[in-house]
Amino acid sequence: MLRGKSRIFWRYSIAVLTVAIALLGKLLLNYWSGQLRETPFLLFFAAIMATSYYGGVGPGILAVVLSSFLGGYFFLTPAKSLFSSDPWANLQLVIFLVEGLFLVSLIHFVNTSRRNTQIISQKLLLSEDKSRQHQDLLHLIANSLPVCISYIDSQQRYQFINKTYNLSPQLHAWTP
């Protein structure tokens, strides 16, 4: 397992790599289809989701920022410009930033919920084991006593009888 700085490096490398793959894919799609600016940020959403899932919040935010810069530079009008005088292009960029940050926070929430669910299920399994051990101990104690012990539920059914109760022939004829 990677530790410390190398782990952080790899998490942020995921962001750069996935955004680069999305950019390459979008450039190839535009080249093959001939539509240069129909959906400027389409493939960048997949990069943001993958980065947020595997890298975490910080790399996810980096993927959003890189995607917005690269998507705006290559696919918004005017092309190959970081800033646009077109209000529609600026609105598209702001909407993409908000959606990207929403995706990062949503995936962070899902990952956190998954980890919390795993922790709770581990605690529940441990609790069930302890409960089973306590129940076995209670049965051992009840079976060791020289008195008749039984537990009858609300429908008048036997739920538990100890060995002494089970071995007493005069009690077998009696039902509650």
Protein backbone atom coordinates (compact mmCIF):
# COMPACT_ATOMS: atom_id res chain seq x y z
CA MET A 1 0.00 0.00 0.00
CA LEU A 2 1.32 3.41 -0.89
CA ARG A 3 2.00 5.79 1.96
CA GLY A 4 2.42 9.50 2.44
CA LYS A 5 3.65 11.64 -0.40
CA SER A 6 3.70 8.89 -3.02
CA ARG A 7 0.04 8.10 -2.30
CA ILE A 8 -0.89 11.78 -2.65
CA PHE A 9 1.13 11.96 -5.86
CA TRP A 10 -0.75 9.01 -7.35
CA ARG A 11 -4.13 10.36 -6.29
CA TYR A 12 -3.46 13.68 -8.05
CA SER A 13 -1.90 11.86 -11.00
CA ILE A 14 -5.25 10.14 -11.49
CA ALA A 15 -6.83 13.58 -11.94
CA VAL A 16 -4.31 14.68 -14.56
CA LEU A 17 -4.43 11.34 -16.39
CA THR A 18 -8.21 11.05 -16.54
CA VAL A 19 -8.63 14.65 -17.70
CA ALA A 20 -5.95 14.12 -20.37
CA ILE A 21 -7.74 10.99 -21.58
CA ALA A 22 -11.06 12.85 -21.66
CA LEU A 23 -9.48 15.72 -23.60
CA LEU A 24 -7.93 13.32 -26.10
CA GLY A 25 -11.22 11.47 -26.48
CA LYS A 26 -13.15 14.70 -27.00
CA LEU A 27 -10.63 15.96 -29.57
CA LEU A 28 -10.87 12.67 -31.46
CA LEU A 29 -14.66 12.72 -31.29
CA ASN A 30 -14.73 16.25 -32.63
CA TYR A 31 -12.27 15.36 -35.39
CA TRP A 32 -14.28 12.33 -36.50
CA SER A 33 -17.72 13.87 -36.17
CA GLY A 34 -16.92 17.37 -37.39
CA GLN A 35 -18.91 18.99 -34.56
CA LEU A 36 -16.46 21.16 -32.76
CA ARG A 37 -18.50 22.85 -30.06
CA GLU A 38 -21.77 20.97 -29.50
CA THR A 39 -21.01 19.47 -26.08
CA PRO A 40 -17.75 20.98 -24.85
CA PHE A 41 -17.60 19.22 -21.47
CA LEU A 42 -19.21 15.88 -22.27
CA LEU A 43 -16.32 13.49 -21.57
CA PHE A 44 -14.89 15.56 -18.75
CA PHE A 45 -17.73 14.45 -16.47
CA ALA A 46 -16.49 10.87 -16.64
CA ALA A 47 -12.99 12.05 -15.74
CA ILE A 48 -14.33 13.98 -12.76
CA MET A 49 -16.37 11.01 -11.54
CA ALA A 50 -13.51 8.53 -11.87
CA THR A 51 -11.06 10.88 -10.19
CA SER A 52 -13.43 11.67 -7.33
CA TYR A 53 -14.21 8.01 -6.75
CA TYR A 54 -10.63 6.74 -6.77
CA GLY A 55 -8.70 9.86 -5.76
CA GLY A 56 -10.96 11.70 -3.34
CA VAL A 57 -12.11 15.30 -2.96
CA GLY A 58 -8.83 17.13 -3.63
CA PRO A 59 -8.04 15.33 -6.87
CA GLY A 60 -11.71 15.62 -7.85
CA ILE A 61 -11.57 19.40 -7.50
CA LEU A 62 -8.33 19.43 -9.48
CA ALA A 63 -10.09 17.44 -12.22
CA VAL A 64 -12.94 19.99 -12.26
CA VAL A 65 -10.52 22.92 -12.56
CA LEU A 66 -8.38 21.24 -15.23
CA SER A 67 -11.45 20.15 -17.18
CA SER A 68 -12.93 23.63 -17.11
CA PHE A 69 -9.70 25.24 -18.31
CA LEU A 70 -9.09 22.67 -21.04
CA GLY A 71 -12.73 22.48 -22.10
CA GLY A 72 -12.97 26.25 -22.25
CA TYR A 73 -9.67 26.60 -24.08
CA PHE A 74 -10.32 23.98 -26.75
CA PHE A 75 -14.09 23.85 -27.17
CA LEU A 76 -15.70 27.19 -26.25
CA THR A 77 -15.80 30.20 -28.56
CA PRO A 78 -13.40 31.80 -29.30
CA ALA A 79 -11.24 28.69 -29.66
CA LYS A 80 -7.81 28.52 -28.05
CA SER A 81 -8.59 31.34 -25.64
CA LEU A 82 -8.82 31.16 -21.86
CA PHE A 83 -11.28 34.05 -21.60
CA SER A 84 -14.39 34.60 -23.64
CA SER A 85 -16.45 37.69 -24.32
CA ASP A 86 -19.43 35.50 -25.17
CA PRO A 87 -21.82 35.43 -22.16
CA TRP A 88 -23.24 32.04 -23.27
CA ALA A 89 -19.75 30.48 -23.20
CA ASN A 90 -19.11 31.95 -19.76
CA LEU A 91 -22.45 30.62 -18.52
CA GLN A 92 -21.61 27.16 -19.86
CA LEU A 93 -18.31 27.28 -18.01
CA VAL A 94 -19.90 28.36 -14.72
CA ILE A 95 -22.59 25.68 -15.03
CA PHE A 96 -19.91 23.07 -15.71
CA LEU A 97 -17.94 24.19 -12.64
CA VAL A 98 -21.03 23.97 -10.43
CA GLU A 99 -22.01 20.56 -11.83
CA GLY A 100 -18.45 19.28 -11.47
CA LEU A 101 -18.20 20.40 -7.85
CA PHE A 102 -21.61 18.87 -7.20
CA LEU A 103 -20.38 15.56 -8.65
CA VAL A 104 -17.27 15.66 -6.46
CA SER A 105 -19.33 16.29 -3.32
CA LEU A 106 -21.89 13.64 -4.26
CA ILE A 107 -19.23 10.98 -4.86
CA HIS A 108 -17.51 11.98 -1.62
CA PHE A 109 -20.84 11.53 0.18
CA VAL A 110 -21.32 8.09 -1.42
CA ASN A 111 -17.79 7.00 -0.50
CA THR A 112 -18.20 8.24 3.07
CA SER A 113 -21.56 6.50 3.38
CA ARG A 114 -20.06 3.27 2.06
CA ARG A 115 -17.20 3.41 4.57
CA ASN A 116 -19.61 4.19 7.42
CA THR A 117 -21.85 1.30 6.37
CA GLN A 118 -18.88 -1.07 6.38
CA ILE A 119 -17.87 0.11 9.86
CA ILE A 120 -21.42 -0.26 11.17
CA SER A 121 -21.78 -3.75 9.65
CA GLN A 122 -18.48 -4.82 11.25
CA LYS A 123 -19.70 -3.52 14.62
CA LEU A 124 -23.03 -5.31 14.11
CA LEU A 125 -21.27 -8.61 13.35
CA LEU A 126 -19.13 -8.18 16.45
CA SER A 127 -22.22 -7.40 18.50
CA GLU A 128 -24.00 -10.48 17.13
CA ASP A 129 -21.01 -12.64 18.06
CA LYS A 130 -20.99 -11.24 21.59
CA SER A 131 -24.75 -11.76 21.85
CA ARG A 132 -24.36 -15.37 20.69
CA GLN A 133 -21.59 -15.91 23.25
CA HIS A 134 -23.77 -14.46 26.02
CA GLN A 135 -26.69 -16.64 24.93
CA ASP A 136 -24.47 -19.74 24.94
CA LEU A 137 -23.21 -18.81 28.41
CA LEU A 138 -26.77 -18.31 29.65
CA HIS A 139 -27.79 -21.72 28.26
CA LEU A 140 -24.75 -23.33 29.89
CA ILE A 141 -25.63 -21.80 33.26
CA ALA A 142 -29.34 -22.69 32.93
CA ASN A 143 -28.51 -26.28 31.95
CA SER A 144 -26.10 -26.63 34.90
CA LEU A 145 -28.71 -25.71 37.53
CA PRO A 146 -30.60 -28.52 39.31
CA VAL A 147 -33.95 -26.72 38.88
CA CYS A 148 -36.44 -26.69 36.03
CA ILE A 149 -36.19 -23.59 33.88
CA SER A 150 -38.31 -22.79 30.84
CA TYR A 151 -39.26 -19.79 28.78
CA ILE A 152 -42.73 -19.61 27.25
CA ASP A 153 -43.61 -16.89 24.75
CA SER A 154 -46.86 -14.92 24.49
CA GLN A 155 -48.48 -17.60 22.28
CA GLN A 156 -47.83 -20.22 24.98
CA ARG A 157 -45.02 -21.92 23.07
CA TYR A 158 -41.85 -23.17 24.69
CA GLN A 159 -38.86 -21.17 23.54
CA PHE A 160 -36.35 -22.70 25.94
CA ILE A 161 -36.20 -25.52 28.47
CA ASN A 162 -33.12 -26.57 30.36
CA LYS A 163 -31.83 -30.14 30.66
CA THR A 164 -33.29 -30.67 34.13
CA TYR A 165 -36.74 -29.69 32.85
CA ASN A 166 -36.28 -31.91 29.81
CA LEU A 167 -35.24 -34.92 31.94
CA SER A 168 -38.15 -34.66 34.42
CA PRO A 169 -40.74 -37.26 33.29
CA GLN A 170 -43.56 -35.90 35.48
CA LEU A 171 -43.33 -32.49 33.73
CA HIS A 172 -43.71 -33.86 30.20
CA ALA A 173 -47.42 -34.45 30.66
CA TRP A 174 -48.09 -30.85 31.71
CA THR A 175 -48.49 -28.08 29.11
CA PRO A 176 -49.02 -24.42 29.86
